[in-house]
C-alpha atoms as a PDB file:
ATOM      1  CA  MET A   1      90.865 105.799 109.214  1.00  0.00           C
ATOM      2  CA  LEU A   2      92.593 102.423 109.437  1.00  0.00           C
ATOM      3  CA  ARG A   3      96.097 102.109 110.839  1.00  0.00           C
ATOM      4  CA  ARG A   4      98.515 102.382 107.937  1.00  0.00           C
ATOM      5  CA  ILE A   5     101.416 100.075 107.172  1.00  0.00           C
ATOM      6  CA  LEU A   6     104.420 101.349 105.248  1.00  0.00           C
ATOM      7  CA  CYS A   7     106.974  98.681 104.340  1.00  0.00           C
ATOM      8  CA  VAL A   8     110.159  99.786 102.647  1.00  0.00           C
ATOM      9  CA  ALA A   9     113.014  97.614 101.426  1.00  0.00           C
ATOM     10  CA  LEU A  10     115.407  99.400  99.127  1.00  0.00           C
ATOM     11  CA  LEU A  11     118.665  98.308  97.491  1.00  0.00           C
ATOM     12  CA  ALA A  12     120.595 100.635  95.183  1.00  0.00           C
ATOM     13  CA  LEU A  13     123.257 103.255  95.828  1.00  0.00           C
ATOM     14  CA  ALA A  14     125.100 105.616  93.474  1.00  0.00           C
ATOM     15  CA  ALA A  15     125.897 109.316  93.446  1.00  0.00           C
ATOM     16  CA  LEU A  16     123.961 112.520  94.097  1.00  0.00           C
ATOM     17  CA  PRO A  17     124.581 115.950  92.566  1.00  0.00           C
ATOM     18  CA  PRO A  18     127.335 117.710  94.495  1.00  0.00           C
ATOM     19  CA  SER A  19     126.831 121.118  96.053  1.00  0.00           C
ATOM     20  CA  PRO A  20     129.122 123.359  98.107  1.00  0.00           C
ATOM     21  CA  ALA A  21     127.269 122.436 101.289  1.00  0.00           C
ATOM     22  CA  LEU A  22     127.760 118.736 100.579  1.00  0.00           C
ATOM     23  CA  ALA A  23     131.308 118.891  99.192  1.00  0.00           C
ATOM     24  CA  GLN A  24     132.746 116.795 102.016  1.00  0.00           C
ATOM     25  CA  GLN A  25     130.179 114.035 101.662  1.00  0.00           C
ATOM     26  CA  THR A  26     130.734 110.815  99.734  1.00  0.00           C
ATOM     27  CA  PRO A  27     128.613 110.028  96.639  1.00  0.00           C
ATOM     28  CA  GLN A  28     126.733 107.438  98.713  1.00  0.00           C
ATOM     29  CA  GLU A  29     125.928 110.001 101.387  1.00  0.00           C
ATOM     30  CA  LYS A  30     124.678 112.415  98.744  1.00  0.00           C
ATOM     31  CA  GLU A  31     122.476 109.763  97.129  1.00  0.00           C
ATOM     32  CA  GLN A  32     121.032 109.093 100.566  1.00  0.00           C
ATOM     33  CA  ILE A  33     119.243 112.429 100.277  1.00  0.00           C
ATOM     34  CA  LEU A  34     117.349 111.219  97.207  1.00  0.00           C
ATOM     35  CA  TRP A  35     116.316 108.100  99.095  1.00  0.00           C
ATOM     36  CA  GLN A  36     115.070 110.197 101.988  1.00  0.00           C
ATOM     37  CA  LYS A  37     113.036 112.396  99.678  1.00  0.00           C
ATOM     38  CA  LEU A  38     111.542 109.355  97.985  1.00  0.00           C
ATOM     39  CA  GLU A  39     110.535 107.947 101.361  1.00  0.00           C
ATOM     40  CA  VAL A  40     108.886 111.274 102.249  1.00  0.00           C
ATOM     41  CA  ALA A  41     106.917 111.125  98.989  1.00  0.00           C
ATOM     42  CA  ILE A  42     105.802 107.552  99.754  1.00  0.00           C
ATOM     43  CA  GLN A  43     104.785 108.484 103.281  1.00  0.00           C
ATOM     44  CA  ASP A  44     102.654 111.280 101.830  1.00  0.00           C
ATOM     45  CA  VAL A  45     100.873 108.734  99.617  1.00  0.00           C
ATOM     46  CA  ASP A  46     100.379 106.507 102.647  1.00  0.00           C
ATOM     47  CA  ARG A  47      98.931 109.292 104.804  1.00  0.00           C
ATOM     48  CA  ASN A  48      96.326 110.111 102.192  1.00  0.00           C
ATOM     49  CA  LEU A  49      95.210 106.543 101.495  1.00  0.00           C
ATOM     50  CA  ASP A  50      92.119 105.278 103.307  1.00  0.00           C
ATOM     51  CA  GLY A  51      93.386 101.725 103.578  1.00  0.00           C
ATOM     52  CA  VAL A  52      96.517  99.716 104.346  1.00  0.00           C
ATOM     53  CA  LEU A  53      99.620 100.106 102.195  1.00  0.00           C
ATOM     54  CA  ALA A  54     102.914  98.229 102.050  1.00  0.00           C
ATOM     55  CA  TRP A  55     105.720  98.280  99.535  1.00  0.00           C
ATOM     56  CA  PRO A  56     109.381  97.378  99.045  1.00  0.00           C
ATOM     57  CA  PHE A  57     111.741  97.573  96.135  1.00  0.00           C
ATOM     58  CA  SER A  58     115.276  96.535  95.355  1.00  0.00           C
ATOM     59  CA  ILE A  59     117.835  95.410  92.855  1.00  0.00           C
ATOM     60  CA  SER A  60     121.246  97.038  92.650  1.00  0.00           C
ATOM     61  CA  PRO A  61     123.848  96.433  95.375  1.00  0.00           C
ATOM     62  CA  PRO A  62     125.087  97.517  97.835  1.00  0.00           C
ATOM     63  CA  GLY A  63     121.968  97.066  99.910  1.00  0.00           C
ATOM     64  CA  ARG A  64     119.650  99.272 101.818  1.00  0.00           C
ATOM     65  CA  ASN A  65     116.707  97.951 103.824  1.00  0.00           C
ATOM     66  CA  THR A  66     114.342 100.086 105.839  1.00  0.00           C
ATOM     67  CA  CYS A  67     111.014  98.574 106.729  1.00  0.00           C
ATOM     68  CA  SER A  68     108.595  99.302 109.548  1.00  0.00           C
ATOM     69  CA  THR A  69     106.588  96.104 108.965  1.00  0.00           C
ATOM     70  CA  PRO A  70     108.760  93.581 107.131  1.00  0.00           C
ATOM     71  CA  MET A  71     106.394  90.608 106.906  1.00  0.00           C
ATOM     72  CA  LYS A  72     102.744  91.624 106.786  1.00  0.00           C
ATOM     73  CA  CYS A  73     100.626  89.189 104.759  1.00  0.00           C
ATOM     74  CA  PHE A  74      98.226  90.617 102.184  1.00  0.00           C
ATOM     75  CA  PRO A  75      95.466  88.970 100.150  1.00  0.00           C
ATOM     76  CA  ARG A  76      97.062  88.519  96.783  1.00  0.00           C
ATOM     77  CA  PRO A  77      95.027  87.944  93.605  1.00  0.00           C
ATOM     78  CA  ALA A  78      98.268  86.908  91.948  1.00  0.00           C
ATOM     79  CA  PRO A  79     100.267  84.596  94.257  1.00  0.00           C
ATOM     80  CA  SER A  80      98.575  81.848  92.358  1.00  0.00           C
ATOM     81  CA  ARG A  81      99.914  83.462  89.188  1.00  0.00           C
ATOM     82  CA  SER A  82     103.267  84.977  90.216  1.00  0.00           C
ATOM     83  CA  PRO A  83     104.774  81.876  91.876  1.00  0.00           C
ATOM     84  CA  SER A  84     102.883  79.457  89.628  1.00  0.00           C
ATOM     85  CA  SER A  85     104.401  80.786  86.425  1.00  0.00           C
ATOM     86  CA  PRO A  86     108.070  80.407  87.497  1.00  0.00           C
ATOM     87  CA  ASN A  87     107.164  77.029  89.000  1.00  0.00           C
ATOM     88  CA  SER A  88     105.915  75.812  85.625  1.00  0.00           C
ATOM     89  CA  TYR A  89     109.205  76.952  84.063  1.00  0.00           C
ATOM     90  CA  HIS A  90     111.097  75.273  86.896  1.00  0.00           C
ATOM     91  CA  GLN A  91     109.375  71.972  86.138  1.00  0.00           C
ATOM     92  CA  VAL A  92     110.168  72.402  82.432  1.00  0.00           C
ATOM     93  CA  GLN A  93     113.807  72.941  83.379  1.00  0.00           C
ATOM     94  CA  GLN A  94     113.681  69.732  85.444  1.00  0.00           C
ATOM     95  CA  GLY A  95     112.271  67.830  82.473  1.00  0.00           C
ATOM     96  CA  LYS A  96     108.904  67.172  84.129  1.00  0.00           C
ATOM     97  CA  LEU A  97     107.006  69.303  81.605  1.00  0.00           C
ATOM     98  CA  LYS A  98     107.549  70.811  78.176  1.00  0.00           C
ATOM     99  CA  LEU A  99     106.473  74.290  77.124  1.00  0.00           C
ATOM    100  CA  GLY A 100     105.181  72.690  73.926  1.00  0.00           C
ATOM    101  CA  ASP A 101     102.967  70.178  75.758  1.00  0.00           C
ATOM    102  CA  LEU A 102      99.447  70.413  74.353  1.00  0.00           C
ATOM    103  CA  TYR A 103      96.303  70.824  76.432  1.00  0.00           C
ATOM    104  CA  THR A 104      92.695  70.677  75.242  1.00  0.00           C
ATOM    105  CA  LEU A 105      90.535  73.229  77.013  1.00  0.00           C
ATOM    106  CA  GLN A 106      87.612  71.658  78.901  1.00  0.00           C
ATOM    107  CA  SER A 107      84.249  73.163  79.893  1.00  0.00           C
ATOM    108  CA  SER A 108      85.084  72.321  83.508  1.00  0.00           C
ATOM    109  CA  ASP A 109      88.125  74.630  83.277  1.00  0.00           C
ATOM    110  CA  LEU A 110      86.037  77.746  82.715  1.00  0.00           C
ATOM    111  CA  VAL A 111      85.469  79.981  85.736  1.00  0.00           C
ATOM    112  CA  GLY A 112      84.527  83.622  86.227  1.00  0.00           C
ATOM    113  CA  GLY A 113      87.105  86.128  85.038  1.00  0.00           C
ATOM    114  CA  SER A 114      88.259  83.803  82.299  1.00  0.00           C
ATOM    115  CA  GLY A 115      88.707  86.515  79.704  1.00  0.00           C
ATOM    116  CA  VAL A 116      90.191  85.019  76.537  1.00  0.00           C
ATOM    117  CA  ALA A 117      89.681  81.397  77.636  1.00  0.00           C
ATOM    118  CA  GLY A 118      85.956  82.051  77.951  1.00  0.00           C
ATOM    119  CA  ALA A 119      85.825  82.920  74.241  1.00  0.00           C
ATOM    120  CA  LEU A 120      87.535  79.693  73.172  1.00  0.00           C
ATOM    121  CA  THR A 121      85.739  76.443  72.252  1.00  0.00           C
ATOM    122  CA  PRO A 122      85.942  73.773  74.996  1.00  0.00           C
ATOM    123  CA  GLY A 123      86.787  70.285  73.804  1.00  0.00           C
ATOM    124  CA  VAL A 124      88.248  71.669  70.579  1.00  0.00           C
ATOM    125  CA  THR A 125      90.764  74.413  71.395  1.00  0.00           C
ATOM    126  CA  ARG A 126      94.279  73.062  71.964  1.00  0.00           C
ATOM    127  CA  LEU A 127      96.912  75.224  73.607  1.00  0.00           C
ATOM    128  CA  THR A 128     100.543  74.665  74.474  1.00  0.00           C
ATOM    129  CA  LEU A 129     101.623  74.994  78.097  1.00  0.00           C
ATOM    130  CA  ARG A 130     103.369  78.230  77.130  1.00  0.00           C
ATOM    131  CA  ASP A 131     100.125  79.520  75.552  1.00  0.00           C
ATOM    132  CA  VAL A 132      98.268  78.833  78.794  1.00  0.00           C
ATOM    133  CA  ALA A 133     101.013  80.543  80.809  1.00  0.00           C
ATOM    134  CA  ALA A 134     100.811  83.553  78.486  1.00  0.00           C
ATOM    135  CA  LEU A 135      97.058  83.870  79.109  1.00  0.00           C
ATOM    136  CA  MET A 136      97.640  83.567  82.853  1.00  0.00           C
ATOM    137  CA  ILE A 137     100.375  86.198  82.946  1.00  0.00           C
ATOM    138  CA  SER A 138      99.353  88.711  80.291  1.00  0.00           C
ATOM    139  CA  VAL A 139      95.592  88.969  80.829  1.00  0.00           C
ATOM    140  CA  SER A 140      95.173  87.380  84.291  1.00  0.00           C
ATOM    141  CA  ASP A 141      92.964  84.675  82.843  1.00  0.00           C
ATOM    142  CA  ASN A 142      91.541  82.733  85.796  1.00  0.00           C
ATOM    143  CA  SER A 143      90.772  79.576  83.828  1.00  0.00           C
ATOM    144  CA  ALA A 144      94.317  79.489  82.439  1.00  0.00           C
ATOM    145  CA  THR A 145      95.661  79.963  85.969  1.00  0.00           C
ATOM    146  CA  ASN A 146      93.663  76.989  87.251  1.00  0.00           C
ATOM    147  CA  VAL A 147      94.886  74.825  84.365  1.00  0.00           C
ATOM    148  CA  ILE A 148      98.483  75.683  85.310  1.00  0.00           C
ATOM    149  CA  ILE A 149      97.818  74.968  88.997  1.00  0.00           C
ATOM    150  CA  ASP A 150      96.337  71.563  88.116  1.00  0.00           C
ATOM    151  CA  ARG A 151      99.249  70.775  85.817  1.00  0.00           C
ATOM    152  CA  ILE A 152     102.090  71.689  88.218  1.00  0.00           C
ATOM    153  CA  GLY A 153     100.379  70.912  91.550  1.00  0.00           C
ATOM    154  CA  MET A 154      99.549  73.378  94.311  1.00  0.00           C
ATOM    155  CA  GLU A 155     101.856  71.549  96.733  1.00  0.00           C
ATOM    156  CA  ASN A 156     104.777  71.977  94.315  1.00  0.00           C
ATOM    157  CA  VAL A 157     104.230  75.734  94.174  1.00  0.00           C
ATOM    158  CA  ASN A 158     104.442  75.978  97.961  1.00  0.00           C
ATOM    159  CA  ALA A 159     107.411  73.592  98.076  1.00  0.00           C
ATOM    160  CA  LEU A 160     109.365  75.830  95.694  1.00  0.00           C
ATOM    161  CA  LEU A 161     108.485  78.866  97.802  1.00  0.00           C
ATOM    162  CA  ASP A 162     109.710  77.028 100.919  1.00  0.00           C
ATOM    163  CA  SER A 163     112.982  76.146  99.194  1.00  0.00           C
ATOM    164  CA  LEU A 164     113.508  79.857  98.514  1.00  0.00           C
ATOM    165  CA  GLY A 165     112.741  80.774 102.129  1.00  0.00           C
ATOM    166  CA  LEU A 166     109.469  82.478 101.148  1.00  0.00           C
ATOM    167  CA  THR A 167     107.320  81.010 103.889  1.00  0.00           C
ATOM    168  CA  HIS A 168     104.726  83.797 104.083  1.00  0.00           C
ATOM    169  CA  THR A 169     103.610  83.502 100.457  1.00  0.00           C
ATOM    170  CA  ARG A 170     101.112  80.647 100.063  1.00  0.00           C
ATOM    171  CA  LEU A 171      98.921  79.230  97.333  1.00  0.00           C
ATOM    172  CA  ARG A 172      95.865  77.858  99.165  1.00  0.00           C
ATOM    173  CA  ARG A 173      93.106  77.812  96.603  1.00  0.00           C
ATOM    174  CA  LYS A 174      92.367  77.952  92.893  1.00  0.00           C
ATOM    175  CA  MET A 175      90.991  81.045  91.236  1.00  0.00           C
ATOM    176  CA  MET A 176      87.353  81.955  91.920  1.00  0.00           C
ATOM    177  CA  ASP A 177      87.029  79.394  94.712  1.00  0.00           C
ATOM    178  CA  VAL A 178      84.897  81.699  96.834  1.00  0.00           C
ATOM    179  CA  LYS A 179      84.018  78.912  99.270  1.00  0.00           C
ATOM    180  CA  ALA A 180      87.693  78.304 100.075  1.00  0.00           C
ATOM    181  CA  ALA A 181      88.288  82.040 100.509  1.00  0.00           C
ATOM    182  CA  ALA A 182      85.292  82.316 102.863  1.00  0.00           C
ATOM    183  CA  GLU A 183      86.749  79.447 104.918  1.00  0.00           C
ATOM    184  CA  GLY A 184      89.999  81.385 105.317  1.00  0.00           C
ATOM    185  CA  ARG A 185      92.004  79.567 102.635  1.00  0.00           C
ATOM    186  CA  GLU A 186      93.096  82.774 100.968  1.00  0.00           C
ATOM    187  CA  ASN A 187      96.071  83.164  98.649  1.00  0.00           C
ATOM    188  CA  ILE A 188      98.501  85.440 100.460  1.00  0.00           C
ATOM    189  CA  ALA A 189     101.874  87.091  99.987  1.00  0.00           C
ATOM    190  CA  THR A 190     104.046  89.815 101.442  1.00  0.00           C
ATOM    191  CA  PRO A 191     105.515  92.626  99.339  1.00  0.00           C
ATOM    192  CA  ARG A 192     108.975  91.734 100.645  1.00  0.00           C
ATOM    193  CA  GLU A 193     108.672  88.107  99.506  1.00  0.00           C
ATOM    194  CA  MET A 194     107.310  89.048  96.092  1.00  0.00           C
ATOM    195  CA  MET A 195     110.284  91.377  95.732  1.00  0.00           C
ATOM    196  CA  ILE A 196     112.699  88.588  96.707  1.00  0.00           C
ATOM    197  CA  LEU A 197     111.061  86.141  94.270  1.00  0.00           C
ATOM    198  CA  LEU A 198     111.359  88.572  91.359  1.00  0.00           C
ATOM    199  CA  GLU A 199     114.908  89.548  92.267  1.00  0.00           C
ATOM    200  CA  ASP A 200     115.994  85.895  92.507  1.00  0.00           C
ATOM    201  CA  LEU A 201     114.445  85.263  89.091  1.00  0.00           C
ATOM    202  CA  TYR A 202     116.199  88.325  87.654  1.00  0.00           C
ATOM    203  CA  ARG A 203     119.563  87.205  89.024  1.00  0.00           C
ATOM    204  CA  GLY A 204     119.145  83.687  87.596  1.00  0.00           C
ATOM    205  CA  LYS A 205     118.958  81.970  90.978  1.00  0.00           C
ATOM    206  CA  ILE A 206     115.837  79.938  90.103  1.00  0.00           C
ATOM    207  CA  LEU A 207     115.886  79.287  86.360  1.00  0.00           C
ATOM    208  CA  ASN A 208     118.633  78.904  83.767  1.00  0.00           C
ATOM    209  CA  LYS A 209     119.213  81.746  81.305  1.00  0.00           C
ATOM    210  CA  GLN A 210     116.934  80.347  78.583  1.00  0.00           C
ATOM    211  CA  MET A 211     114.040  79.786  80.971  1.00  0.00           C
ATOM    212  CA  THR A 212     114.658  83.142  82.694  1.00  0.00           C
ATOM    213  CA  ASP A 213     114.631  85.043  79.403  1.00  0.00           C
ATOM    214  CA  ASP A 214     111.417  83.365  78.238  1.00  0.00           C
ATOM    215  CA  PHE A 215     109.723  83.915  81.596  1.00  0.00           C
ATOM    216  CA  PHE A 216     110.482  87.647  81.542  1.00  0.00           C
ATOM    217  CA  GLU A 217     109.414  87.852  77.898  1.00  0.00           C
ATOM    218  CA  LEU A 218     105.938  86.710  78.940  1.00  0.00           C
ATOM    219  CA  LEU A 219     105.916  88.885  82.049  1.00  0.00           C
ATOM    220  CA  SER A 220     106.848  91.915  79.915  1.00  0.00           C
ATOM    221  CA  ILE A 221     103.788  91.606  77.656  1.00  0.00           C
ATOM    222  CA  HIS A 222     101.905  94.894  77.858  1.00  0.00           C
ATOM    223  CA  LYS A 223      98.886  94.732  80.135  1.00  0.00           C
ATOM    224  CA  GLU A 224      96.486  97.109  81.842  1.00  0.00           C
ATOM    225  CA  SER A 225      98.166  97.660  85.186  1.00  0.00           C
ATOM    226  CA  TYR A 226      99.331 100.277  87.652  1.00  0.00           C
ATOM    227  CA  ILE A 227     103.145 100.303  87.677  1.00  0.00           C
ATOM    228  CA  PRO A 228     103.505 101.298  83.988  1.00  0.00           C
ATOM    229  CA  ARG A 229     100.550 103.707  83.917  1.00  0.00           C
ATOM    230  CA  GLU A 230     102.552 106.977  83.889  1.00  0.00           C
ATOM    231  CA  LEU A 231     105.957 105.628  82.834  1.00  0.00           C
ATOM    232  CA  PRO A 232     107.454 105.958  79.308  1.00  0.00           C
ATOM    233  CA  GLU A 233     105.709 103.725  76.771  1.00  0.00           C
ATOM    234  CA  ASP A 234     108.984 102.292  75.466  1.00  0.00           C
ATOM    235  CA  LEU A 235     110.223 101.324  78.928  1.00  0.00           C
ATOM    236  CA  ARG A 236     110.406  97.571  79.492  1.00  0.00           C
ATOM    237  CA  ILE A 237     108.365  96.555  82.533  1.00  0.00           C
ATOM    238  CA  ALA A 238     107.817  92.941  83.617  1.00  0.00           C
ATOM    239  CA  ASN A 239     104.947  93.081  86.075  1.00  0.00           C
ATOM    240  CA  LYS A 240     101.859  91.311  87.374  1.00  0.00           C
ATOM    241  CA  PRO A 241      98.918  93.265  88.845  1.00  0.00           C
ATOM    242  CA  GLY A 242      96.101  91.829  90.926  1.00  0.00           C
ATOM    243  CA  GLU A 243      92.648  92.954  91.994  1.00  0.00           C
ATOM    244  CA  LEU A 244      90.054  91.812  94.523  1.00  0.00           C
ATOM    245  CA  GLU A 245      87.322  93.706  96.309  1.00  0.00           C
ATOM    246  CA  GLY A 246      89.125  96.111  98.643  1.00  0.00           C
ATOM    247  CA  VAL A 247      92.504  95.029  97.264  1.00  0.00           C
ATOM    248  CA  ARG A 248      94.821  96.427  94.589  1.00  0.00           C
ATOM    249  CA  ASN A 249      98.363  95.056  94.034  1.00  0.00           C
ATOM    250  CA  ASP A 250     101.142  95.233  91.490  1.00  0.00           C
ATOM    251  CA  SER A 251     104.641  93.713  91.497  1.00  0.00           C
ATOM    252  CA  GLY A 252     107.325  93.782  88.835  1.00  0.00           C
ATOM    253  CA  ILE A 253     110.723  94.779  87.533  1.00  0.00           C
ATOM    254  CA  VAL A 254     111.253  98.141  85.827  1.00  0.00           C
ATOM    255  CA  PHE A 255     114.265  97.962  83.505  1.00  0.00           C
ATOM    256  CA  THR A 256     115.586 101.480  84.007  1.00  0.00           C
ATOM    257  CA  GLY A 257     118.928 101.694  82.213  1.00  0.00           C
ATOM    258  CA  HIS A 258     121.788 100.793  84.546  1.00  0.00           C
ATOM    259  CA  ARG A 259     119.521 100.902  87.596  1.00  0.00           C
ATOM    260  CA  PRO A 260     116.669  98.416  87.109  1.00  0.00           C
ATOM    261  CA  PHE A 261     114.524  97.936  90.170  1.00  0.00           C
ATOM    262  CA  VAL A 262     111.983  95.555  91.631  1.00  0.00           C
ATOM    263  CA  ILE A 263     108.885  97.093  93.126  1.00  0.00           C
ATOM    264  CA  SER A 264     105.944  95.456  94.879  1.00  0.00           C
ATOM    265  CA  VAL A 265     103.038  97.540  96.166  1.00  0.00           C
ATOM    266  CA  MET A 266     100.112  95.962  97.982  1.00  0.00           C
ATOM    267  CA  THR A 267      97.012  97.686  99.337  1.00  0.00           C
ATOM    268  CA  THR A 268      94.092  96.241 101.247  1.00  0.00           C
ATOM    269  CA  TYR A 269      91.099  97.339 103.362  1.00  0.00           C
ATOM    270  CA  LEU A 270      90.580 100.006 100.710  1.00  0.00           C
ATOM    271  CA  HIS A 271      87.624 102.327 101.112  1.00  0.00           C
ATOM    272  CA  ARG A 272      87.818 102.931  97.357  1.00  0.00           C
ATOM    273  CA  GLU A 273      89.734 100.539  95.102  1.00  0.00           C
ATOM    274  CA  LYS A 274      90.520 103.399  92.727  1.00  0.00           C
ATOM    275  CA  ASP A 275      92.555 105.079  95.452  1.00  0.00           C
ATOM    276  CA  GLY A 276      94.658 101.936  95.880  1.00  0.00           C
ATOM    277  CA  GLY A 277      95.434 101.926  92.177  1.00  0.00           C
ATOM    278  CA  GLU A 278      96.342 105.612  92.261  1.00  0.00           C
ATOM    279  CA  ALA A 279      98.660 105.007  95.222  1.00  0.00           C
ATOM    280  CA  ILE A 280     100.533 102.315  93.277  1.00  0.00           C
ATOM    281  CA  ILE A 281     100.834 104.618  90.252  1.00  0.00           C
ATOM    282  CA  ARG A 282     102.239 107.472  92.350  1.00  0.00           C
ATOM    283  CA  ILE A 283     104.770 105.239  94.114  1.00  0.00           C
ATOM    284  CA  ALA A 284     105.923 103.624  90.860  1.00  0.00           C
ATOM    285  CA  THR A 285     106.303 107.021  89.192  1.00  0.00           C
ATOM    286  CA  ALA A 286     108.317 108.476  92.078  1.00  0.00           C
ATOM    287  CA  ALA A 287     110.567 105.406  92.177  1.00  0.00           C
ATOM    288  CA  TYR A 288     111.138 105.498  88.418  1.00  0.00           C
ATOM    289  CA  GLN A 289     112.024 109.190  88.471  1.00  0.00           C
ATOM    290  CA  MET A 290     114.709 108.532  91.078  1.00  0.00           C
ATOM    291  CA  PHE A 291     116.167 105.380  89.497  1.00  0.00           C
ATOM    292  CA  ASP A 292     116.141 106.913  86.012  1.00  0.00           C
ATOM    293  CA  ARG A 293     118.064 109.915  87.326  1.00  0.00           C
ATOM    294  CA  LEU A 294     120.579 107.685  89.086  1.00  0.00           C
ATOM    295  CA  SER A 295     120.924 105.512  85.992  1.00  0.00           C
ATOM    296  CA  ARG A 296     121.953 108.463  83.833  1.00  0.00           C
ATOM    297  CA  ALA A 297     124.046 110.323  86.406  1.00  0.00           C
ATOM    298  CA  SER A 298     127.810 110.389  86.791  1.00  0.00           C
ATOM    299  CA  GLN A 299     129.441 109.758  90.174  1.00  0.00           C
ATOM    300  CA  TYR A 300     129.144 113.513  90.756  1.00  0.00           C
ATOM    301  CA  GLY A 301     125.446 113.627  89.922  1.00  0.00           C
ATOM    302  CA  ARG A 302     125.662 115.129  86.433  1.00  0.00           C
ATOM    303  CA  VAL A 303     122.644 113.698  84.598  1.00  0.00           C
ATOM    304  CA  VAL A 304     123.604 113.017  80.997  1.00  0.00           C
ATOM    305  CA  SER A 305     120.905 112.919  78.311  1.00  0.00           C
ATOM    306  CA  ALA A 306     120.432 113.678  74.634  1.00  0.00           C
ATOM    307  CA  HIS A 307     118.638 116.874  75.557  1.00  0.00           C
ATOM    308  CA  ASP A 308     121.000 118.453  78.068  1.00  0.00           C
ATOM    309  CA  THR A 309     119.268 121.481  79.593  1.00  0.00           C
ATOM    310  CA  GLY A 310     122.399 122.814  81.310  1.00  0.00           C
ATOM    311  CA  ASN A 311     124.778 125.498  80.038  1.00  0.00           C
ATOM    312  CA  PRO A 312     128.036 124.289  78.431  1.00  0.00           C
END
């Protein structure tokens, strides 16, 4: 079995259910017990995964950060998508591009894993920049991703990441450039930096409100992915999964009532890719169950819902 990596970065504190044994503890100290139990559940997932796992999540202050390996780089099928999409919005905000700019799809744009773009007619089909971004984000269309990279510039993606202090997340090649990957020019990211990027976007630190709202509207389009797999269907989730041989990743924001959270789970060196996907699903489900409970709980831990199961 390969040495496992468990990376945890958590931010969110509220109250836990009181009990006679804990009567002298503060609400924060009581909530700490839920965090500890969540970490035990994650460690159990990690122990049973034949591969390497890392994950952080955050959002609500005050902060909590516990991480055994804070900056491990993972192959990331989506750093070319996740940072590229906010970068395109950033350039629109700067007036360098317009979401309504038209682009005519070319035969040279089409690469493997093109999905929808592969079914369109080259030389005829015209798409707006926002249309291309939607294909990139919602269905992981590789051709659409490469069009965006060409339009905004690979160096600009990395420059924006540098300006945000995200120096371990790099865009080094276009999609399906196997030669570049074989030469070591892999797209990489860390779960911690993907978490920071999403949190900064959520807090409006990168884009103005209009651009932020539109970006998360695209990112919230339903897609086949791991984080939402066992969560309520009506729950808003803005996420971006990624897959390569031996690699399964998913990063996003789960809008859980008053306690939304960012989660980024990356797995690599997987013996079976299916197991990596299952690990992400289990972690996302455990995190949601905790944050949903905290979102609906009073400072004393009473969980309030329309279907109260307690006695009056």
